[in-house]
Protein backbone atom coordinates (compact mmCIF):
# COMPACT_ATOMS: atom_id res chain seq x y z
CA MET A 1 0.18 15.82 -21.32
CA ARG A 2 0.12 12.00 -21.52
CA ASP A 3 0.88 9.96 -18.42
CA LEU A 4 2.56 6.88 -19.88
CA VAL A 5 2.86 5.09 -16.53
CA ARG A 6 -0.87 5.54 -15.90
CA GLU A 7 -1.69 4.31 -19.42
CA LYS A 8 0.50 1.23 -18.93
CA VAL A 9 -1.20 0.36 -15.61
CA ILE A 10 -4.66 0.80 -17.18
CA LYS A 11 -3.68 -1.47 -20.08
CA LEU A 12 -2.22 -4.17 -17.81
CA ASN A 13 -5.23 -4.01 -15.47
CA SER A 14 -7.61 -4.44 -18.43
CA VAL A 15 -6.08 -7.85 -19.19
CA ALA A 16 -5.33 -8.92 -15.61
CA ARG A 17 -5.48 -12.67 -15.13
CA ARG A 18 -7.81 -13.90 -12.39
CA PRO A 19 -6.83 -16.83 -10.20
CA THR A 20 -9.03 -19.91 -10.11
CA ILE A 21 -10.40 -20.89 -6.73
CA GLU A 22 -7.83 -23.70 -6.70
CA GLU A 23 -4.97 -21.25 -7.33
CA PHE A 24 -6.27 -18.94 -4.64
CA LEU A 25 -6.59 -21.74 -2.09
CA ALA A 26 -3.07 -22.98 -2.95
CA PHE A 27 -1.51 -19.53 -2.39
CA ASP A 28 0.40 -19.55 0.90
CA GLY A 29 1.23 -15.86 1.24
CA ALA A 30 4.75 -16.18 -0.25
CA HIS A 31 7.12 -13.67 1.37
CA CYS A 32 4.27 -12.41 3.59
CA ARG A 33 3.31 -15.92 4.72
CA ASN A 34 2.99 -15.17 8.45
CA ILE A 35 0.87 -12.07 8.00
CA TYR A 36 -1.25 -13.78 5.33
CA ARG A 37 -1.99 -16.82 7.50
CA ALA A 38 -3.01 -14.60 10.41
CA LEU A 39 -5.63 -12.75 8.37
CA PRO A 40 -9.22 -13.99 8.55
CA ASP A 41 -10.71 -15.49 5.40
CA ASP A 42 -13.06 -12.51 5.01
CA TRP A 43 -10.28 -9.89 5.39
CA GLN A 44 -10.42 -6.76 3.26
CA CYS A 45 -7.61 -4.26 2.90
CA PRO A 46 -8.66 -1.22 4.97
CA GLY A 47 -7.08 0.99 2.33
CA CYS A 48 -8.59 -0.18 -0.97
CA LEU A 49 -11.21 -2.64 0.37
CA ARG A 50 -9.96 -5.48 -1.83
CA THR A 51 -10.29 -9.02 -0.50
CA LYS A 52 -7.44 -11.50 -0.11
CA TYR A 53 -8.60 -13.04 -3.43
CA GLN A 54 -8.61 -9.66 -5.20
CA VAL A 55 -5.11 -8.76 -3.93
CA LEU A 56 -3.56 -11.73 -5.80
CA ARG A 57 -2.02 -10.73 -9.11
CA TRP A 58 -0.15 -12.63 -11.83
CA THR A 59 3.37 -11.26 -12.18
CA THR A 60 7.02 -12.12 -12.60
CA LEU A 61 8.35 -13.54 -9.34
CA PHE A 62 11.98 -12.76 -8.42
CA PRO A 63 12.49 -10.43 -11.43
CA HIS A 64 16.06 -9.54 -10.39
CA ILE A 65 17.28 -13.11 -9.87
CA PRO A 66 17.64 -14.76 -13.30
CA SER A 67 17.92 -18.28 -11.93
CA ALA A 68 14.72 -17.91 -9.86
CA ARG A 69 12.69 -15.67 -12.23
CA ARG A 70 9.33 -17.19 -13.18
CA PRO A 71 5.69 -16.21 -13.58
CA GLY A 72 3.39 -16.75 -10.63
CA TRP A 73 0.85 -15.37 -8.18
CA ALA A 74 1.91 -12.67 -5.77
CA GLY A 75 0.08 -10.84 -3.03
CA GLY A 76 1.85 -8.67 -0.53
CA TYR A 77 0.62 -7.70 2.92
CA HIS A 78 2.34 -5.16 5.17
CA THR A 79 1.79 -3.81 8.64
CA HIS A 80 1.24 -0.10 7.96
CA HIS A 81 2.01 2.31 10.78
CA ASP A 82 2.43 5.99 11.49
CA HIS A 83 6.05 6.64 10.51
CA ALA A 84 6.16 9.69 12.76
CA GLY A 85 6.92 7.25 15.58
CA ASP A 86 9.95 5.80 13.76
CA ARG A 87 12.19 8.47 15.24
CA TYR A 88 11.62 6.85 18.66
CA ARG A 89 12.90 3.44 17.58
CA TRP A 90 14.17 1.36 20.49
CA MET A 91 12.90 3.98 22.95
CA ILE A 92 9.64 4.65 24.73
CA PRO A 93 7.96 7.51 22.82
CA PRO A 94 7.37 10.71 24.77
CA SER A 95 3.97 10.96 26.49
CA TRP A 96 2.84 13.69 24.09
CA PHE A 97 3.31 11.49 21.01
CA SER A 98 0.10 9.99 19.71
CA PRO A 99 0.12 8.15 16.36
CA ARG A 100 -2.49 9.25 13.83
CA PHE A 101 -3.64 5.62 13.48
CA GLU A 102 -2.94 2.19 14.94
CA PRO A 103 -0.72 -0.25 13.00
CA THR A 104 -2.84 -2.27 10.61
CA VAL A 105 -2.30 -4.72 7.76
CA ILE A 106 -2.79 -3.27 4.28
CA CYS A 107 -2.08 -4.72 0.84
CA GLU A 108 1.21 -4.14 -0.96
CA GLN A 109 -0.44 -1.84 -3.50
CA CYS A 110 -1.78 0.49 -0.77
CA ASN A 111 1.57 0.41 1.00
CA SER A 112 3.28 1.25 -2.28
CA ALA A 113 0.78 4.03 -3.03
CA ASP A 114 1.56 5.64 0.35
CA ALA A 115 5.31 5.59 -0.40
CA SER A 116 4.85 6.69 -4.03
CA ALA A 117 2.69 9.67 -3.09
CA LYS A 118 5.18 10.81 -0.43
CA ARG A 119 8.07 10.45 -2.89
CA LYS A 120 6.42 12.14 -5.88
CA LEU A 121 4.96 14.98 -3.81
CA ASN A 122 8.15 15.43 -1.76
CA LEU A 123 6.27 14.93 1.50
CA PRO A 124 8.13 14.31 4.77
CA LYS A 125 9.37 10.73 5.09
CA ASP A 126 7.95 10.45 8.58
CA PHE A 127 4.42 11.31 7.43
CA SER A 128 2.03 8.42 6.74
CA PHE A 129 -1.38 8.44 5.13
CA THR A 130 -4.05 6.58 7.10
CA PRO A 131 -5.72 3.63 5.34
CA PHE A 132 -8.87 5.76 4.96
CA GLU A 133 -6.84 8.55 3.34
CA ILE A 134 -5.15 6.08 0.99
CA ARG A 135 -8.63 4.92 -0.09
CA GLN A 136 -9.39 8.49 -1.18
CA PHE A 137 -6.48 8.73 -3.65
CA VAL A 138 -6.21 5.24 -5.12
CA ILE A 139 -8.31 3.50 -7.70
CA ALA A 140 -8.01 -0.19 -6.96
CA HIS A 141 -8.34 -2.94 -9.55
CA ALA A 142 -8.90 -6.58 -8.63
CA HIS A 143 -5.79 -8.62 -9.47
CA GLY A 144 -4.02 -5.51 -10.71
CA LYS A 145 -2.15 -2.41 -9.67
CA HIS A 146 -3.55 0.75 -8.12
CA LEU A 147 -3.86 4.01 -9.99
CA ILE A 148 -2.84 6.96 -7.84
CA ASP A 149 -4.42 10.42 -7.96
CA TYR A 150 -1.56 12.56 -6.72
CA ARG A 151 -3.68 15.72 -6.69
CA VAL A 152 -5.99 14.13 -4.14
CA ALA A 153 -3.03 12.88 -2.07
CA GLN A 154 -1.60 16.40 -1.99
CA ALA A 155 -4.98 17.84 -0.97
CA ILE A 156 -5.21 15.31 1.87
CA PHE A 157 -1.72 16.19 3.13
CA ASP A 158 -2.50 19.91 2.89
CA ALA A 159 -5.75 19.39 4.87
CA VAL A 160 -3.93 17.39 7.55
CA ALA A 161 -1.23 20.07 7.76
CA THR A 162 -3.86 22.81 7.97
CA LEU A 163 -5.51 21.02 10.89
CA GLY A 164 -2.19 21.14 12.65
CA GLU A 165 -1.77 17.36 12.71
CA ALA A 166 1.23 17.53 10.43
CA ASN A 167 3.21 20.27 12.17
CA ALA A 168 5.65 17.62 13.35
CA PHE A 169 6.29 16.80 9.70
CA ALA A 170 7.24 20.34 8.60
CA MET A 171 9.91 20.33 5.93
CA LYS A 172 13.33 21.03 7.32
């Protein structure tokens, strides 16, 4: 059975535009400006291992705002964290709670892959893949979008659940 979304990503990645050094140096981080500026020059995404340069991709900026829509460089950066702790918002978590990983900055494509895998596989919303686990189920492309191997993502979740780390994420 053909996977049209996968085929489209492969086609777009094959013709991905690469920024010049001048375009890269002029990029200010856009909507992720504060996170971007705080990253060291030699930063690599701990999920896909792409550099700040490789995260940049040519795309349509503000696609849902006709008056602002235009082509340009985008690169998103997000603080990824263990969503199991989200239920303790505004409170001190109980002493027994220990996140599976410390909050860390990952690229938008890795952050999106985490969410996409959870959505497609119907995994608990408060489960989060670690950056290392994300690296196992994405195929990264410089200046493009990630391809996601959902079978590997499911196997990782199943292994985590088998080890007992995911018992707090049991489906209700």
